[in-house]
Amino acid sequence: MSTSATEPEAADLVCQLDNVQGMVDALTSVRWKRHQDAVVELSEHGIVLIVEESRCLQAKVYLQRELFVRYGYSAQGRPRFGVSLGLFVDCLNTFSVPGHSSTIEIQYPGPDMQLLLKSLDSANACIYAEIRTRIPDMVSWDYNFEPAGSTPLSFTVKSSALKEAIDDLEWPGSSIQITLQPVPPSVTFRGDGHGNLQIDFKYYVNTDLLVAFHCDHQVSYRYKYKFLHATTSNIPASVIKDNRGSKLTIGRGGMLKVQHLVSVARPSISHSHVDSAGYQQPSRIAYIEFFVKPEEDEATGNDS
C-alpha cells in the first residue's frame, strides 16, 4: 500500500489501559523462567501473547479489547511479532506505581517496528519506552483441544489450593499423576520421590476447595512436574486474595488445559459478581490458558 512521503503510516494498533498492574499480573502468570521469548498476535478482538517450551507446554494470555479504555485497530489481517517476555514485563513495571492505577498507551509498530509504551497520567511528565521486536522464531503449536468424551472431564479448584498441592509434590525430574474418578467423585494428585505422596480433592466433602467436578469415567495421566509447576508458579497474589478458582480440563489424549482468570479492573472499581466457581464474570478479566502434554509412555487406559 503506497503512502505519501510526508505522511507517516498509520499504526496497526494504538490502545490505552488504565491498570498497568493488572497487565503485569496477567503476563507474569506465564513467566516460568528468566529468559522467555513470546509471540504477540494482534486482532480487532484484542491481544494474545503466546509462550511455549519443548512443544510440551504452551501458555496464552488473552487481553480482550474490552479491557482497554481505547482500542484503535487498523491493520489488515493479524500482525504477529516476537518479543522478550521478561523485557516486556520489566518495562510495564516501570509504569506501575503501588497503590495507584497508572494509565499507559501502547502502540505498534513504531518507525523501526518497535513496541511503544507511553504514560498518560501527567501533563507535566511522561515515561516513554521502546521495545525492540523481531520476526517470530517459532510457529506456535496449535493444538486442537478436543473433549475426551461426551461429558467434559473437568474440575474447578481454588487457585490457592491448586498451587499449594503442586508445590508440595515438588521433586526434581519427577512426574505428577492426575486421576479423576466419578465414584466417589474425586481428583488425586500423586507425586514421585516422596514415597508416593498424594493429595486428594474429594467433591461434596469439601466444596470450598473443589467447587465444581464433571467426570463420567476414570482417567489417569502423568505430566512432567516442571511443566505442571509452570501453570501455577506465578499465580498473581490478587487471584489468591480474591479466592478465585482455576479450572482444569483433560482432553483427548490426556492434553491438560489449565485456566486462570486475572482481574485487570482498576482497584477503585468495586468487584463484580463472583460465581460459585470463583470466576469473576464481566469483561475486565484477562484469560490465562496453559496446555500441558502428558508423558506418552505413561498414559494409562483412557479416552474409553
Protein backbone atom coordinates (compact mmCIF):
# COMPACT_ATOMS: atom_id res chain seq x y z
CA MET A 1 0.00 0.00 0.00
CA SER A 2 1.53 3.34 -1.01
CA THR A 3 1.51 6.35 1.31
CA SER A 4 2.53 9.95 0.87
CA ALA A 5 6.23 10.59 1.52
CA THR A 6 5.28 13.25 4.09
CA GLU A 7 2.58 11.16 5.77
CA PRO A 8 3.67 8.55 8.35
CA GLU A 9 1.99 5.17 8.01
CA ALA A 10 -0.82 4.64 10.49
CA ALA A 11 -0.04 2.31 13.40
CA ASP A 12 -1.69 -1.11 13.36
CA LEU A 13 -2.70 -0.67 16.99
CA VAL A 14 -3.00 2.23 19.42
CA CYS A 15 -4.62 1.27 22.72
CA GLN A 16 -4.85 2.64 26.24
CA LEU A 17 -5.05 0.71 29.51
CA ASP A 18 -5.89 2.23 32.90
CA ASN A 19 -4.49 -0.53 35.13
CA VAL A 20 -0.90 -1.41 34.24
CA GLN A 21 -0.53 -3.67 37.27
CA GLY A 22 -3.34 -5.88 36.01
CA MET A 23 -1.50 -6.40 32.73
CA VAL A 24 1.75 -7.08 34.61
CA ASP A 25 -0.03 -9.72 36.71
CA ALA A 26 -1.52 -11.39 33.63
CA LEU A 27 1.78 -11.58 31.75
CA THR A 28 3.75 -12.64 34.83
CA SER A 29 1.38 -15.62 35.16
CA VAL A 30 3.06 -17.21 32.13
CA ARG A 31 6.64 -16.24 33.01
CA TRP A 32 8.04 -19.50 34.32
CA LYS A 33 11.72 -18.80 33.64
CA ARG A 34 14.02 -15.81 33.37
CA HIS A 35 14.57 -15.78 29.60
CA GLN A 36 11.46 -16.44 27.52
CA ASP A 37 10.54 -15.45 24.02
CA ALA A 38 6.90 -14.65 23.34
CA VAL A 39 4.81 -14.21 20.23
CA VAL A 40 2.23 -11.42 20.26
CA GLU A 41 -0.73 -11.54 17.89
CA LEU A 42 -2.95 -8.51 17.32
CA SER A 43 -6.51 -8.51 16.04
CA GLU A 44 -9.68 -6.46 16.14
CA HIS A 45 -10.73 -8.61 19.12
CA GLY A 46 -7.70 -7.91 21.30
CA ILE A 47 -4.13 -9.02 22.03
CA VAL A 48 -2.93 -12.60 22.50
CA LEU A 49 0.51 -13.38 23.92
CA ILE A 50 1.87 -16.93 23.48
CA VAL A 51 4.84 -18.67 25.09
CA GLU A 52 5.83 -22.29 24.90
CA GLU A 53 8.55 -24.76 25.78
CA SER A 54 9.71 -28.01 24.15
CA ARG A 55 6.37 -28.29 22.31
CA CYS A 56 5.11 -29.85 25.56
CA LEU A 57 3.88 -26.72 27.32
CA GLN A 58 2.12 -23.69 25.89
CA ALA A 59 0.55 -20.70 27.60
CA LYS A 60 -1.67 -17.97 26.22
CA VAL A 61 -2.74 -14.64 27.70
CA TYR A 62 -5.92 -13.21 26.18
CA LEU A 63 -6.31 -9.45 26.57
CA GLN A 64 -9.70 -8.73 25.02
CA ARG A 65 -10.35 -5.28 23.60
CA GLU A 66 -12.93 -4.65 26.37
CA LEU A 67 -10.05 -4.45 28.86
CA PHE A 68 -8.79 -1.26 27.24
CA VAL A 69 -10.25 2.24 27.65
CA ARG A 70 -9.33 2.81 24.00
CA TYR A 71 -8.59 0.22 21.33
CA GLY A 72 -7.80 1.61 17.88
CA TYR A 73 -7.08 -1.18 15.40
CA SER A 74 -6.42 -0.51 11.70
CA ALA A 75 -4.31 -3.45 10.49
CA GLN A 76 -5.22 -5.78 7.67
CA GLY A 77 -5.13 -9.37 8.91
CA ARG A 78 -3.47 -10.26 12.22
CA PRO A 79 0.06 -8.86 12.69
CA ARG A 80 2.42 -11.03 14.75
CA PHE A 81 5.76 -10.17 16.29
CA GLY A 82 8.26 -11.69 18.69
CA VAL A 83 9.35 -10.03 21.92
CA SER A 84 11.24 -10.89 25.10
CA LEU A 85 8.58 -11.59 27.73
CA GLY A 86 10.88 -10.59 30.59
CA LEU A 87 11.75 -7.28 28.92
CA PHE A 88 8.09 -6.57 28.22
CA VAL A 89 7.07 -7.23 31.84
CA ASP A 90 10.02 -5.22 33.23
CA CYS A 91 9.13 -2.25 31.02
CA LEU A 92 5.49 -2.37 32.09
CA ASN A 93 6.62 -2.45 35.72
CA THR A 94 8.32 0.94 35.30
CA PHE A 95 4.87 2.42 34.61
CA SER A 96 3.21 0.76 37.61
CA VAL A 97 3.02 2.75 40.86
CA PRO A 98 1.94 0.83 44.01
CA GLY A 99 -1.49 1.97 45.19
CA HIS A 100 -2.11 3.98 42.02
CA SER A 101 -3.84 2.97 38.78
CA SER A 102 -1.43 4.08 36.09
CA THR A 103 -2.66 4.65 32.53
CA ILE A 104 -0.48 3.87 29.54
CA GLU A 105 -0.72 3.96 25.77
CA ILE A 106 0.59 1.04 23.73
CA GLN A 107 1.36 1.45 20.05
CA TYR A 108 2.61 -0.94 17.36
CA PRO A 109 4.56 -0.63 15.18
CA GLY A 110 6.91 2.31 15.74
CA PRO A 111 9.12 3.70 12.97
CA ASP A 112 11.51 0.74 13.31
CA MET A 113 8.87 -1.89 14.15
CA GLN A 114 9.20 -1.25 17.89
CA LEU A 115 6.51 -1.71 20.51
CA LEU A 116 5.99 1.76 22.02
CA LEU A 117 4.80 2.45 25.58
CA LYS A 118 3.90 5.90 26.94
CA SER A 119 2.48 7.07 30.27
CA LEU A 120 -0.63 9.28 30.19
CA ASP A 121 -1.04 10.19 33.87
CA SER A 122 0.59 13.62 33.92
CA ALA A 123 0.56 16.62 31.61
CA ASN A 124 3.94 17.69 33.00
CA ALA A 125 5.94 14.46 32.74
CA CYS A 126 5.95 11.37 30.56
CA ILE A 127 7.61 7.97 30.77
CA TYR A 128 8.36 6.54 27.35
CA ALA A 129 9.75 3.15 26.38
CA GLU A 130 10.60 1.39 23.14
CA ILE A 131 10.85 -2.41 22.99
CA ARG A 132 12.62 -3.93 20.02
CA THR A 133 10.56 -6.64 18.34
CA ARG A 134 11.56 -9.34 15.89
CA ILE A 135 10.14 -11.76 13.40
CA PRO A 136 8.80 -14.67 15.50
CA ASP A 137 11.28 -17.53 15.80
CA MET A 138 8.61 -20.12 16.34
CA VAL A 139 5.45 -21.25 14.66
CA SER A 140 3.10 -21.55 17.60
CA TRP A 141 1.95 -25.05 18.35
CA ASP A 142 -1.76 -25.01 17.54
CA TYR A 143 -3.35 -27.93 19.35
CA ASN A 144 -6.99 -28.64 18.59
CA PHE A 145 -8.19 -29.29 22.13
CA GLU A 146 -10.96 -31.88 21.94
CA PRO A 147 -13.08 -33.31 24.76
CA ALA A 148 -12.21 -36.82 25.86
CA GLY A 149 -15.83 -37.95 25.60
CA SER A 150 -19.45 -36.83 25.66
CA THR A 151 -19.01 -35.41 29.18
CA PRO A 152 -16.17 -32.91 29.71
CA LEU A 153 -13.59 -34.19 32.19
CA SER A 154 -13.03 -31.09 34.26
CA PHE A 155 -12.86 -29.70 37.76
CA THR A 156 -12.55 -26.28 39.33
CA VAL A 157 -10.40 -25.89 42.42
CA LYS A 158 -9.45 -22.83 44.43
CA SER A 159 -6.27 -21.41 42.88
CA SER A 160 -4.50 -21.20 46.23
CA ALA A 161 -5.21 -24.89 46.96
CA LEU A 162 -4.05 -25.94 43.48
CA LYS A 163 -0.80 -24.03 43.83
CA GLU A 164 -0.17 -25.42 47.31
CA ALA A 165 -0.80 -29.01 46.17
CA ILE A 166 1.59 -28.76 43.22
CA ASP A 167 4.25 -27.03 45.33
CA ASP A 168 4.01 -29.77 47.96
CA LEU A 169 4.62 -32.50 45.36
CA GLU A 170 7.87 -30.99 44.12
CA TRP A 171 10.69 -33.42 43.36
CA PRO A 172 13.49 -32.78 40.81
CA GLY A 173 12.84 -34.52 37.50
CA SER A 174 9.67 -36.18 38.74
CA SER A 175 6.19 -36.56 37.30
CA ILE A 176 2.73 -35.95 38.71
CA GLN A 177 -0.11 -38.35 38.07
CA ILE A 178 -3.58 -36.77 37.95
CA THR A 179 -6.52 -39.13 38.35
CA LEU A 180 -10.21 -38.28 38.07
CA GLN A 181 -12.82 -40.81 39.14
CA PRO A 182 -16.61 -40.49 39.24
CA VAL A 183 -17.23 -42.77 42.26
CA PRO A 184 -16.51 -41.43 44.75
CA PRO A 185 -16.17 -38.13 42.84
CA SER A 186 -12.61 -37.03 43.44
CA VAL A 187 -9.33 -35.78 41.98
CA THR A 188 -5.98 -37.23 43.07
CA PHE A 189 -2.52 -35.72 42.52
CA ARG A 190 0.18 -38.35 43.10
CA GLY A 191 3.87 -37.47 43.08
CA ASP A 192 7.11 -39.46 42.82
CA GLY A 193 10.03 -39.18 45.19
CA HIS A 194 8.11 -38.78 48.44
CA GLY A 195 7.12 -42.39 48.93
CA ASN A 196 4.24 -41.80 46.53
CA LEU A 197 2.79 -38.80 48.34
CA GLN A 198 -0.70 -38.00 47.13
CA ILE A 199 -3.17 -35.19 47.62
CA ASP A 200 -6.89 -35.84 47.28
CA PHE A 201 -9.65 -33.37 46.49
CA LYS A 202 -12.98 -35.02 47.27
CA TYR A 203 -16.09 -33.48 45.78
CA TYR A 204 -19.01 -32.95 48.20
CA VAL A 205 -16.64 -33.49 51.15
CA ASN A 206 -15.03 -30.07 50.75
CA THR A 207 -16.78 -27.91 48.17
CA ASP A 208 -14.88 -24.90 49.49
CA LEU A 209 -11.80 -26.27 47.69
CA LEU A 210 -13.16 -28.45 44.88
CA VAL A 211 -16.02 -26.24 43.77
CA ALA A 212 -17.03 -27.98 40.51
CA PHE A 213 -16.49 -31.50 39.16
CA HIS A 214 -17.53 -33.25 35.91
CA CYS A 215 -16.41 -36.83 35.21
CA ASP A 216 -18.27 -39.87 33.89
CA HIS A 217 -15.36 -42.34 33.72
CA GLN A 218 -11.98 -42.73 35.39
CA VAL A 219 -8.95 -41.24 33.69
CA SER A 220 -5.32 -41.06 34.77
CA TYR A 221 -2.36 -39.30 33.12
CA ARG A 222 1.15 -38.35 34.14
CA TYR A 223 2.71 -34.94 33.50
CA LYS A 224 6.26 -33.67 33.87
CA TYR A 225 6.48 -31.83 37.17
CA LYS A 226 8.35 -28.85 35.69
CA PHE A 227 5.57 -28.27 33.14
CA LEU A 228 2.75 -28.70 35.64
CA HIS A 229 4.52 -26.43 38.13
CA ALA A 230 4.78 -23.70 35.47
CA THR A 231 0.98 -23.48 35.35
CA THR A 232 0.75 -22.25 38.96
CA SER A 233 4.21 -20.94 39.90
CA ASN A 234 3.32 -17.29 39.24
CA ILE A 235 -0.39 -17.09 40.01
CA PRO A 236 -0.85 -13.38 40.96
CA ALA A 237 -1.44 -12.50 44.60
CA SER A 238 -4.70 -10.80 43.52
CA VAL A 239 -6.11 -14.17 42.39
CA ILE A 240 -5.24 -15.78 45.73
CA LYS A 241 -6.60 -12.79 47.67
CA ASP A 242 -9.92 -12.83 45.77
CA ASN A 243 -10.22 -16.58 46.47
CA ARG A 244 -10.75 -17.24 42.78
CA GLY A 245 -10.88 -20.67 41.17
CA SER A 246 -8.80 -22.34 38.46
CA LYS A 247 -10.38 -24.74 36.00
CA LEU A 248 -8.57 -27.88 34.78
CA THR A 249 -9.84 -29.93 31.84
CA ILE A 250 -8.45 -33.19 30.44
CA GLY A 251 -8.97 -33.54 26.70
CA ARG A 252 -8.48 -36.31 24.18
CA GLY A 253 -5.10 -38.00 24.51
CA GLY A 254 -4.59 -36.58 28.01
CA MET A 255 -3.94 -32.98 26.99
CA LEU A 256 -4.37 -30.88 30.14
CA LYS A 257 -5.83 -27.39 29.94
CA VAL A 258 -5.42 -25.13 32.99
CA GLN A 259 -7.34 -21.85 33.07
CA HIS A 260 -6.92 -18.86 35.39
CA LEU A 261 -8.75 -15.52 35.45
CA VAL A 262 -6.81 -12.35 36.33
CA SER A 263 -8.58 -9.07 37.07
CA VAL A 264 -7.46 -6.06 35.03
CA ALA A 265 -10.07 -3.74 36.60
CA ARG A 266 -8.94 -0.57 38.33
CA PRO A 267 -8.64 -1.18 42.11
CA SER A 268 -11.08 1.67 42.78
CA ILE A 269 -13.82 -0.14 40.84
CA SER A 270 -15.82 -2.47 43.06
CA HIS A 271 -15.59 -6.13 42.14
CA SER A 272 -18.43 -7.52 40.11
CA HIS A 273 -20.23 -10.77 40.73
CA VAL A 274 -18.05 -13.76 41.51
CA ASP A 275 -19.79 -17.05 40.87
CA SER A 276 -19.56 -20.32 42.82
CA ALA A 277 -16.54 -21.42 40.80
CA GLY A 278 -14.66 -18.31 41.88
CA TYR A 279 -14.97 -16.76 38.43
CA GLN A 280 -15.39 -13.02 38.03
CA GLN A 281 -17.86 -12.57 35.20
CA PRO A 282 -17.66 -9.28 33.33
CA SER A 283 -15.27 -8.09 30.69
CA ARG A 284 -12.32 -6.69 32.65
CA ILE A 285 -10.71 -10.08 33.06
CA ALA A 286 -7.58 -11.44 31.36
CA TYR A 287 -7.92 -15.11 30.45
CA ILE A 288 -4.85 -17.29 31.03
CA GLU A 289 -4.66 -20.76 29.45
CA PHE A 290 -1.97 -23.41 29.74
CA PHE A 291 -1.81 -26.59 27.66
CA VAL A 292 0.35 -29.43 29.01
CA LYS A 293 1.04 -32.62 27.06
CA PRO A 294 1.09 -35.87 29.06
CA GLU A 295 4.01 -38.26 29.21
CA GLU A 296 3.14 -40.55 26.32
CA ASP A 297 4.72 -43.70 27.70
CA GLU A 298 2.82 -43.33 30.98
CA ALA A 299 -0.71 -42.72 29.72
CA THR A 300 -2.96 -45.39 31.14
CA GLY A 301 -6.27 -46.80 29.81
CA ASN A 302 -8.05 -43.56 28.98
CA ASP A 303 -10.42 -42.00 26.46
CA SER A 304 -12.61 -45.11 26.53
